PDB file of N, CA and C in Angstrom:
ATOM      1  N   MET A   1     -11.466  -2.488  -2.857  1.00  0.00           N
ATOM      2  CA  MET A   1     -10.304  -2.331  -2.016  1.00  0.00           C
ATOM      3  C   MET A   1      -9.494  -3.633  -1.959  1.00  0.00           C
ATOM      4  N   ILE A   2     -10.194  -4.755  -1.927  1.00  0.00           N
ATOM      5  CA  ILE A   2      -9.520  -6.047  -1.868  1.00  0.00           C
ATOM      6  C   ILE A   2      -8.695  -6.270  -3.135  1.00  0.00           C
ATOM      7  N   GLU A   3      -9.257  -5.927  -4.297  1.00  0.00           N
ATOM      8  CA  GLU A   3      -8.531  -6.098  -5.560  1.00  0.00           C
ATOM      9  C   GLU A   3      -7.284  -5.231  -5.590  1.00  0.00           C
ATOM     10  N   ASP A   4      -7.394  -4.024  -5.058  1.00  0.00           N
ATOM     11  CA  ASP A   4      -6.244  -3.118  -4.995  1.00  0.00           C
ATOM     12  C   ASP A   4      -5.149  -3.706  -4.113  1.00  0.00           C
ATOM     13  N   THR A   5      -5.543  -4.329  -3.045  1.00  0.00           N
ATOM     14  CA  THR A   5      -4.572  -4.925  -2.125  1.00  0.00           C
ATOM     15  C   THR A   5      -3.867  -6.109  -2.772  1.00  0.00           C
ATOM     16  N   HIS A   6      -4.599  -6.904  -3.536  1.00  0.00           N
ATOM     17  CA  HIS A   6      -3.965  -8.007  -4.263  1.00  0.00           C
ATOM     18  C   HIS A   6      -2.858  -7.476  -5.171  1.00  0.00           C
ATOM     19  N   THR A   7      -3.131  -6.395  -5.870  1.00  0.00           N
ATOM     20  CA  THR A   7      -2.135  -5.789  -6.754  1.00  0.00           C
ATOM     21  C   THR A   7      -0.970  -5.239  -5.952  1.00  0.00           C
ATOM     22  N   LEU A   8      -1.262  -4.621  -4.831  1.00  0.00           N
ATOM     23  CA  LEU A   8      -0.233  -4.005  -3.993  1.00  0.00           C
ATOM     24  C   LEU A   8       0.789  -5.019  -3.501  1.00  0.00           C
ATOM     25  N   VAL A   9       0.337  -6.183  -3.098  1.00  0.00           N
ATOM     26  CA  VAL A   9       1.262  -7.151  -2.499  1.00  0.00           C
ATOM     27  C   VAL A   9       1.972  -8.027  -3.529  1.00  0.00           C
ATOM     28  N   LYS A  10       1.672  -7.854  -4.811  1.00  0.00           N
ATOM     29  CA  LYS A  10       2.368  -8.619  -5.847  1.00  0.00           C
ATOM     30  C   LYS A  10       3.823  -8.192  -5.995  1.00  0.00           C
ATOM     31  N   GLU A  11       4.086  -6.906  -5.835  1.00  0.00           N
ATOM     32  CA  GLU A  11       5.440  -6.385  -5.990  1.00  0.00           C
ATOM     33  C   GLU A  11       6.275  -6.724  -4.764  1.00  0.00           C
ATOM     34  N   GLN A  12       7.591  -6.718  -4.954  1.00  0.00           N
ATOM     35  CA  GLN A  12       8.488  -6.890  -3.825  1.00  0.00           C
ATOM     36  C   GLN A  12       8.461  -5.611  -2.997  1.00  0.00           C
ATOM     37  N   ILE A  13       8.822  -5.729  -1.738  1.00  0.00           N
ATOM     38  CA  ILE A  13       8.749  -4.592  -0.827  1.00  0.00           C
ATOM     39  C   ILE A  13       9.616  -3.449  -1.343  1.00  0.00           C
ATOM     40  N   GLY A  14       8.989  -2.288  -1.489  1.00  0.00           N
ATOM     41  CA  GLY A  14       9.704  -1.083  -1.892  1.00  0.00           C
ATOM     42  C   GLY A  14       9.882  -0.898  -3.384  1.00  0.00           C
ATOM     43  N   GLN A  15       9.489  -1.863  -4.206  1.00  0.00           N
ATOM     44  CA  GLN A  15       9.644  -1.711  -5.651  1.00  0.00           C
ATOM     45  C   GLN A  15       8.392  -1.096  -6.254  1.00  0.00           C
ATOM     46  N   LYS A  16       8.605  -0.253  -7.281  1.00  0.00           N
ATOM     47  CA  LYS A  16       7.501   0.362  -7.997  1.00  0.00           C
ATOM     48  C   LYS A  16       7.488  -0.172  -9.417  1.00  0.00           C
ATOM     49  N   GLY A  17       6.306  -0.427  -9.912  1.00  0.00           N
ATOM     50  CA  GLY A  17       6.153  -0.843 -11.293  1.00  0.00           C
ATOM     51  C   GLY A  17       6.232   0.359 -12.224  1.00  0.00           C
ATOM     52  N   LYS A  18       6.343   0.088 -13.499  1.00  0.00           N
ATOM     53  CA  LYS A  18       6.431   1.158 -14.500  1.00  0.00           C
ATOM     54  C   LYS A  18       5.183   2.030 -14.507  1.00  0.00           C
ATOM     55  N   THR A  19       4.033   1.412 -14.350  1.00  0.00           N
ATOM     56  CA  THR A  19       2.776   2.158 -14.362  1.00  0.00           C
ATOM     57  C   THR A  19       2.713   3.143 -13.209  1.00  0.00           C
ATOM     58  N   VAL A  20       3.127   2.713 -12.038  1.00  0.00           N
ATOM     59  CA  VAL A  20       3.105   3.589 -10.863  1.00  0.00           C
ATOM     60  C   VAL A  20       4.063   4.755 -11.073  1.00  0.00           C
ATOM     61  N   LYS A  21       5.253   4.475 -11.569  1.00  0.00           N
ATOM     62  CA  LYS A  21       6.227   5.536 -11.817  1.00  0.00           C
ATOM     63  C   LYS A  21       5.668   6.569 -12.785  1.00  0.00           C
ATOM     64  N   ARG A  22       4.990   6.108 -13.834  1.00  0.00           N
ATOM     65  CA  ARG A  22       4.395   7.039 -14.805  1.00  0.00           C
ATOM     66  C   ARG A  22       3.298   7.869 -14.170  1.00  0.00           C
ATOM     67  N   ARG A  23       2.481   7.251 -13.335  1.00  0.00           N
ATOM     68  CA  ARG A  23       1.379   7.983 -12.701  1.00  0.00           C
ATOM     69  C   ARG A  23       1.867   9.027 -11.706  1.00  0.00           C
ATOM     70  N   GLN A  24       3.050   8.814 -11.145  1.00  0.00           N
ATOM     71  CA  GLN A  24       3.555   9.747 -10.141  1.00  0.00           C
ATOM     72  C   GLN A  24       4.208  10.987 -10.749  1.00  0.00           C
ATOM     73  N   ILE A  25       4.464  10.978 -12.035  1.00  0.00           N
ATOM     74  CA  ILE A  25       5.080  12.138 -12.683  1.00  0.00           C
ATOM     75  C   ILE A  25       4.144  13.339 -12.544  1.00  0.00           C
ATOM     76  N   GLY A  26       4.679  14.429 -12.043  1.00  0.00           N
ATOM     77  CA  GLY A  26       3.915  15.657 -11.893  1.00  0.00           C
ATOM     78  C   GLY A  26       3.110  15.756 -10.608  1.00  0.00           C
ATOM     79  N   GLN A  27       3.123  14.733  -9.779  1.00  0.00           N
ATOM     80  CA  GLN A  27       2.396  14.765  -8.511  1.00  0.00           C
ATOM     81  C   GLN A  27       3.248  15.466  -7.447  1.00  0.00           C
ATOM     82  N   PRO A  28       2.622  16.059  -6.446  1.00  0.00           N
ATOM     83  CA  PRO A  28       3.383  16.716  -5.373  1.00  0.00           C
ATOM     84  C   PRO A  28       4.285  15.714  -4.636  1.00  0.00           C
ATOM     85  N   VAL A  29       5.483  16.156  -4.307  1.00  0.00           N
ATOM     86  CA  VAL A  29       6.465  15.293  -3.643  1.00  0.00           C
ATOM     87  C   VAL A  29       5.940  14.746  -2.309  1.00  0.00           C
ATOM     88  N   PRO A  30       5.282  15.556  -1.459  1.00  0.00           N
ATOM     89  CA  PRO A  30       4.770  14.982  -0.203  1.00  0.00           C
ATOM     90  C   PRO A  30       3.768  13.842  -0.444  1.00  0.00           C
ATOM     91  N   LEU A  31       2.974  13.956  -1.489  1.00  0.00           N
ATOM     92  CA  LEU A  31       2.015  12.909  -1.811  1.00  0.00           C
ATOM     93  C   LEU A  31       2.716  11.625  -2.257  1.00  0.00           C
ATOM     94  N   ILE A  32       3.742  11.762  -3.078  1.00  0.00           N
ATOM     95  CA  ILE A  32       4.513  10.596  -3.527  1.00  0.00           C
ATOM     96  C   ILE A  32       5.196   9.931  -2.338  1.00  0.00           C
ATOM     97  N   ASN A  33       5.784  10.725  -1.459  1.00  0.00           N
ATOM     98  CA  ASN A  33       6.445  10.166  -0.273  1.00  0.00           C
ATOM     99  C   ASN A  33       5.457   9.428   0.617  1.00  0.00           C
ATOM    100  N   TYR A  34       4.273   9.996   0.795  1.00  0.00           N
ATOM    101  CA  TYR A  34       3.227   9.369   1.609  1.00  0.00           C
ATOM    102  C   TYR A  34       2.801   8.040   0.990  1.00  0.00           C
ATOM    103  N   ALA A  35       2.598   8.039  -0.310  1.00  0.00           N
ATOM    104  CA  ALA A  35       2.185   6.817  -1.005  1.00  0.00           C
ATOM    105  C   ALA A  35       3.265   5.745  -0.922  1.00  0.00           C
ATOM    106  N   ASP A  36       4.524   6.142  -1.086  1.00  0.00           N
ATOM    107  CA  ASP A  36       5.624   5.182  -1.007  1.00  0.00           C
ATOM    108  C   ASP A  36       5.731   4.588   0.400  1.00  0.00           C
ATOM    109  N   LYS A  37       5.564   5.446   1.401  1.00  0.00           N
ATOM    110  CA  LYS A  37       5.616   4.992   2.796  1.00  0.00           C
ATOM    111  C   LYS A  37       4.474   4.011   3.072  1.00  0.00           C
ATOM    112  N   ALA A  38       3.289   4.342   2.569  1.00  0.00           N
ATOM    113  CA  ALA A  38       2.126   3.477   2.766  1.00  0.00           C
ATOM    114  C   ALA A  38       2.331   2.136   2.070  1.00  0.00           C
ATOM    115  N   THR A  39       2.813   2.171   0.843  1.00  0.00           N
ATOM    116  CA  THR A  39       3.031   0.940   0.086  1.00  0.00           C
ATOM    117  C   THR A  39       4.013   0.027   0.798  1.00  0.00           C
ATOM    118  N   GLN A  40       5.110   0.598   1.248  1.00  0.00           N
ATOM    119  CA  GLN A  40       6.127  -0.209   1.922  1.00  0.00           C
ATOM    120  C   GLN A  40       5.577  -0.803   3.222  1.00  0.00           C
ATOM    121  N   ARG A  41       4.865  -0.010   3.991  1.00  0.00           N
ATOM    122  CA  ARG A  41       4.303  -0.502   5.250  1.00  0.00           C
ATOM    123  C   ARG A  41       3.300  -1.624   5.004  1.00  0.00           C
ATOM    124  N   LEU A  42       2.426  -1.448   4.015  1.00  0.00           N
ATOM    125  CA  LEU A  42       1.388  -2.438   3.748  1.00  0.00           C
ATOM    126  C   LEU A  42       1.982  -3.743   3.212  1.00  0.00           C
ATOM    127  N   GLN A  43       2.995  -3.635   2.371  1.00  0.00           N
ATOM    128  CA  GLN A  43       3.656  -4.840   1.869  1.00  0.00           C
ATOM    129  C   GLN A  43       4.331  -5.602   3.007  1.00  0.00           C
ATOM    130  N   LYS A  44       5.012  -4.880   3.875  1.00  0.00           N
ATOM    131  CA  LYS A  44       5.660  -5.533   5.025  1.00  0.00           C
ATOM    132  C   LYS A  44       4.620  -6.195   5.917  1.00  0.00           C
ATOM    133  N   ARG A  45       3.518  -5.521   6.148  1.00  0.00           N
ATOM    134  CA  ARG A  45       2.461  -6.054   7.009  1.00  0.00           C
ATOM    135  C   ARG A  45       1.891  -7.347   6.432  1.00  0.00           C
ATOM    136  N   TYR A  46       1.677  -7.362   5.122  1.00  0.00           N
ATOM    137  CA  TYR A  46       1.150  -8.560   4.472  1.00  0.00           C
ATOM    138  C   TYR A  46       2.085  -9.744   4.695  1.00  0.00           C
ATOM    139  N   TYR A  47       3.375  -9.536   4.436  1.00  0.00           N
ATOM    140  CA  TYR A  47       4.319 -10.644   4.574  1.00  0.00           C
ATOM    141  C   TYR A  47       4.492 -11.068   6.038  1.00  0.00           C
ATOM    142  N   GLN A  48       4.364 -10.141   6.968  1.00  0.00           N
ATOM    143  CA  GLN A  48       4.407 -10.500   8.389  1.00  0.00           C
ATOM    144  C   GLN A  48       3.232 -11.414   8.744  1.00  0.00           C
ATOM    145  N   LEU A  49       2.059 -11.046   8.271  1.00  0.00           N
ATOM    146  CA  LEU A  49       0.872 -11.848   8.566  1.00  0.00           C
ATOM    147  C   LEU A  49       0.982 -13.247   7.956  1.00  0.00           C
ATOM    148  N   ILE A  50       1.508 -13.332   6.747  1.00  0.00           N
ATOM    149  CA  ILE A  50       1.682 -14.628   6.096  1.00  0.00           C
ATOM    150  C   ILE A  50       2.687 -15.481   6.880  1.00  0.00           C
ATOM    151  N   GLN A  51       3.782 -14.861   7.327  1.00  0.00           N
ATOM    152  CA  GLN A  51       4.782 -15.604   8.093  1.00  0.00           C
ATOM    153  C   GLN A  51       4.239 -16.070   9.443  1.00  0.00           C
ATOM    154  N   GLN A  52       3.274 -15.339   9.981  1.00  0.00           N
ATOM    155  CA  GLN A  52       2.661 -15.728  11.256  1.00  0.00           C
ATOM    156  C   GLN A  52       1.633 -16.841  11.082  1.00  0.00           C
ATOM    157  N   GLY A  53       1.397 -17.229   9.837  1.00  0.00           N
ATOM    158  CA  GLY A  53       0.491 -18.334   9.583  1.00  0.00           C
ATOM    159  C   GLY A  53      -0.940 -17.947   9.266  1.00  0.00           C
ATOM    160  N   GLU A  54      -1.194 -16.668   9.082  1.00  0.00           N
ATOM    161  CA  GLU A  54      -2.548 -16.245   8.724  1.00  0.00           C
ATOM    162  C   GLU A  54      -2.862 -16.700   7.295  1.00  0.00           C
ATOM    163  N   PRO A  55      -4.090 -17.089   7.034  1.00  0.00           N
ATOM    164  CA  PRO A  55      -4.478 -17.412   5.659  1.00  0.00           C
ATOM    165  C   PRO A  55      -4.338 -16.174   4.761  1.00  0.00           C
ATOM    166  N   LYS A  56      -4.075 -16.398   3.487  1.00  0.00           N
ATOM    167  CA  LYS A  56      -3.859 -15.266   2.577  1.00  0.00           C
ATOM    168  C   LYS A  56      -5.051 -14.325   2.529  1.00  0.00           C
ATOM    169  N   ASN A  57      -6.259 -14.869   2.523  1.00  0.00           N
ATOM    170  CA  ASN A  57      -7.446 -14.009   2.461  1.00  0.00           C
ATOM    171  C   ASN A  57      -7.571 -13.120   3.693  1.00  0.00           C
ATOM    172  N   VAL A  58      -7.205 -13.631   4.835  1.00  0.00           N
ATOM    173  CA  VAL A  58      -7.250 -12.849   6.072  1.00  0.00           C
ATOM    174  C   VAL A  58      -6.198 -11.743   6.015  1.00  0.00           C
ATOM    175  N   ALA A  59      -5.002 -12.073   5.540  1.00  0.00           N
ATOM    176  CA  ALA A  59      -3.930 -11.080   5.425  1.00  0.00           C
ATOM    177  C   ALA A  59      -4.322  -9.989   4.438  1.00  0.00           C
ATOM    178  N   ILE A  60      -4.915 -10.369   3.316  1.00  0.00           N
ATOM    179  CA  ILE A  60      -5.360  -9.389   2.318  1.00  0.00           C
ATOM    180  C   ILE A  60      -6.412  -8.459   2.916  1.00  0.00           C
ATOM    181  N   ALA A  61      -7.366  -9.013   3.638  1.00  0.00           N
ATOM    182  CA  ALA A  61      -8.422  -8.193   4.242  1.00  0.00           C
ATOM    183  C   ALA A  61      -7.851  -7.219   5.275  1.00  0.00           C
ATOM    184  N   ALA A  62      -6.888  -7.680   6.068  1.00  0.00           N
ATOM    185  CA  ALA A  62      -6.276  -6.809   7.075  1.00  0.00           C
ATOM    186  C   ALA A  62      -5.512  -5.665   6.412  1.00  0.00           C
ATOM    187  N   VAL A  63      -4.786  -5.975   5.356  1.00  0.00           N
ATOM    188  CA  VAL A  63      -4.018  -4.950   4.652  1.00  0.00           C
ATOM    189  C   VAL A  63      -4.964  -3.991   3.928  1.00  0.00           C
ATOM    190  N   ALA A  64      -6.060  -4.508   3.402  1.00  0.00           N
ATOM    191  CA  ALA A  64      -7.046  -3.648   2.730  1.00  0.00           C
ATOM    192  C   ALA A  64      -7.635  -2.637   3.711  1.00  0.00           C
ATOM    193  N   ARG A  65      -7.854  -3.072   4.937  1.00  0.00           N
ATOM    194  CA  ARG A  65      -8.379  -2.163   5.959  1.00  0.00           C
ATOM    195  C   ARG A  65      -7.378  -1.043   6.250  1.00  0.00           C
ATOM    196  N   GLU A  66      -6.100  -1.402   6.344  1.00  0.00           N
ATOM    197  CA  GLU A  66      -5.072  -0.377   6.557  1.00  0.00           C
ATOM    198  C   GLU A  66      -4.957   0.542   5.351  1.00  0.00           C
ATOM    199  N   LEU A  67      -5.090  -0.020   4.155  1.00  0.00           N
ATOM    200  CA  LEU A  67      -5.040   0.788   2.936  1.00  0.00           C
ATOM    201  C   LEU A  67      -6.140   1.843   2.954  1.00  0.00           C
ATOM    202  N   ALA A  68      -7.310   1.464   3.429  1.00  0.00           N
ATOM    203  CA  ALA A  68      -8.414   2.423   3.542  1.00  0.00           C
ATOM    204  C   ALA A  68      -8.035   3.587   4.447  1.00  0.00           C
ATOM    205  N   GLY A  69      -7.283   3.298   5.497  1.00  0.00           N
ATOM    206  CA  GLY A  69      -6.824   4.365   6.390  1.00  0.00           C
ATOM    207  C   GLY A  69      -5.855   5.320   5.702  1.00  0.00           C
ATOM    208  N   PHE A  70      -4.964   4.786   4.887  1.00  0.00           N
ATOM    209  CA  PHE A  70      -4.041   5.643   4.152  1.00  0.00           C
ATOM    210  C   PHE A  70      -4.779   6.499   3.129  1.00  0.00           C
ATOM    211  N   ILE A  71      -5.768   5.914   2.470  1.00  0.00           N
ATOM    212  CA  ILE A  71      -6.559   6.686   1.507  1.00  0.00           C
ATOM    213  C   ILE A  71      -7.325   7.793   2.225  1.00  0.00           C
ATOM    214  N   TRP A  72      -7.858   7.483   3.388  1.00  0.00           N
ATOM    215  CA  TRP A  72      -8.540   8.504   4.180  1.00  0.00           C
ATOM    216  C   TRP A  72      -7.568   9.639   4.515  1.00  0.00           C
ATOM    217  N   GLY A  73      -6.325   9.283   4.846  1.00  0.00           N
ATOM    218  CA  GLY A  73      -5.314  10.303   5.150  1.00  0.00           C
ATOM    219  C   GLY A  73      -5.044  11.226   3.972  1.00  0.00           C
ATOM    220  N   ILE A  74      -5.021  10.661   2.778  1.00  0.00           N
ATOM    221  CA  ILE A  74      -4.819  11.483   1.580  1.00  0.00           C
ATOM    222  C   ILE A  74      -6.013  12.414   1.381  1.00  0.00           C
ATOM    223  N   GLU A  75      -7.203  11.875   1.505  1.00  0.00           N
ATOM    224  CA  GLU A  75      -8.424  12.658   1.275  1.00  0.00           C
ATOM    225  C   GLU A  75      -8.610  13.778   2.286  1.00  0.00           C
ATOM    226  N   THR A  76      -8.164  13.567   3.520  1.00  0.00           N
ATOM    227  CA  THR A  76      -8.345  14.597   4.551  1.00  0.00           C
ATOM    228  C   THR A  76      -7.155  15.536   4.651  1.00  0.00           C
ATOM    229  N   GLY A  77      -6.100  15.238   3.903  1.00  0.00           N
ATOM    230  CA  GLY A  77      -4.949  16.122   3.906  1.00  0.00           C
ATOM    231  C   GLY A  77      -3.984  15.897   5.038  1.00  0.00           C
ATOM    232  N   THR A  78      -4.070  14.777   5.731  1.00  0.00           N
ATOM    233  CA  THR A  78      -3.158  14.478   6.828  1.00  0.00           C
ATOM    234  C   THR A  78      -2.028  13.579   6.321  1.00  0.00           C
ATOM    235  N   LEU A  79      -1.153  14.138   5.531  1.00  0.00           N
ATOM    236  CA  LEU A  79      -0.025  13.381   4.980  1.00  0.00           C
ATOM    237  C   LEU A  79       1.106  13.400   6.002  1.00  0.00           C
ATOM    238  N   ALA A  80       1.070  12.447   6.933  1.00  0.00           N
ATOM    239  CA  ALA A  80       2.112  12.407   7.974  1.00  0.00           C
ATOM    240  C   ALA A  80       3.003  11.219   7.803  1.00  0.00           C
TER     241      ALA A  80
END
């Protein structure tokens, strides 16, 4: 989860890489919207924590915990 979070926060807020765009082809629209919303929220949260003076490792761990919640939402079908 930590490695995934490192990758997530590399992009600028709201931008998708080519790989992500390719993977989203053919996926249900509600799922793509949920993932985009989660990505944007997690990226913003990371940069907020960094601006507040949190060490990078602490910010990554906090965002990874939130990412786990979004993944749980996908798995349980609660795409809100």
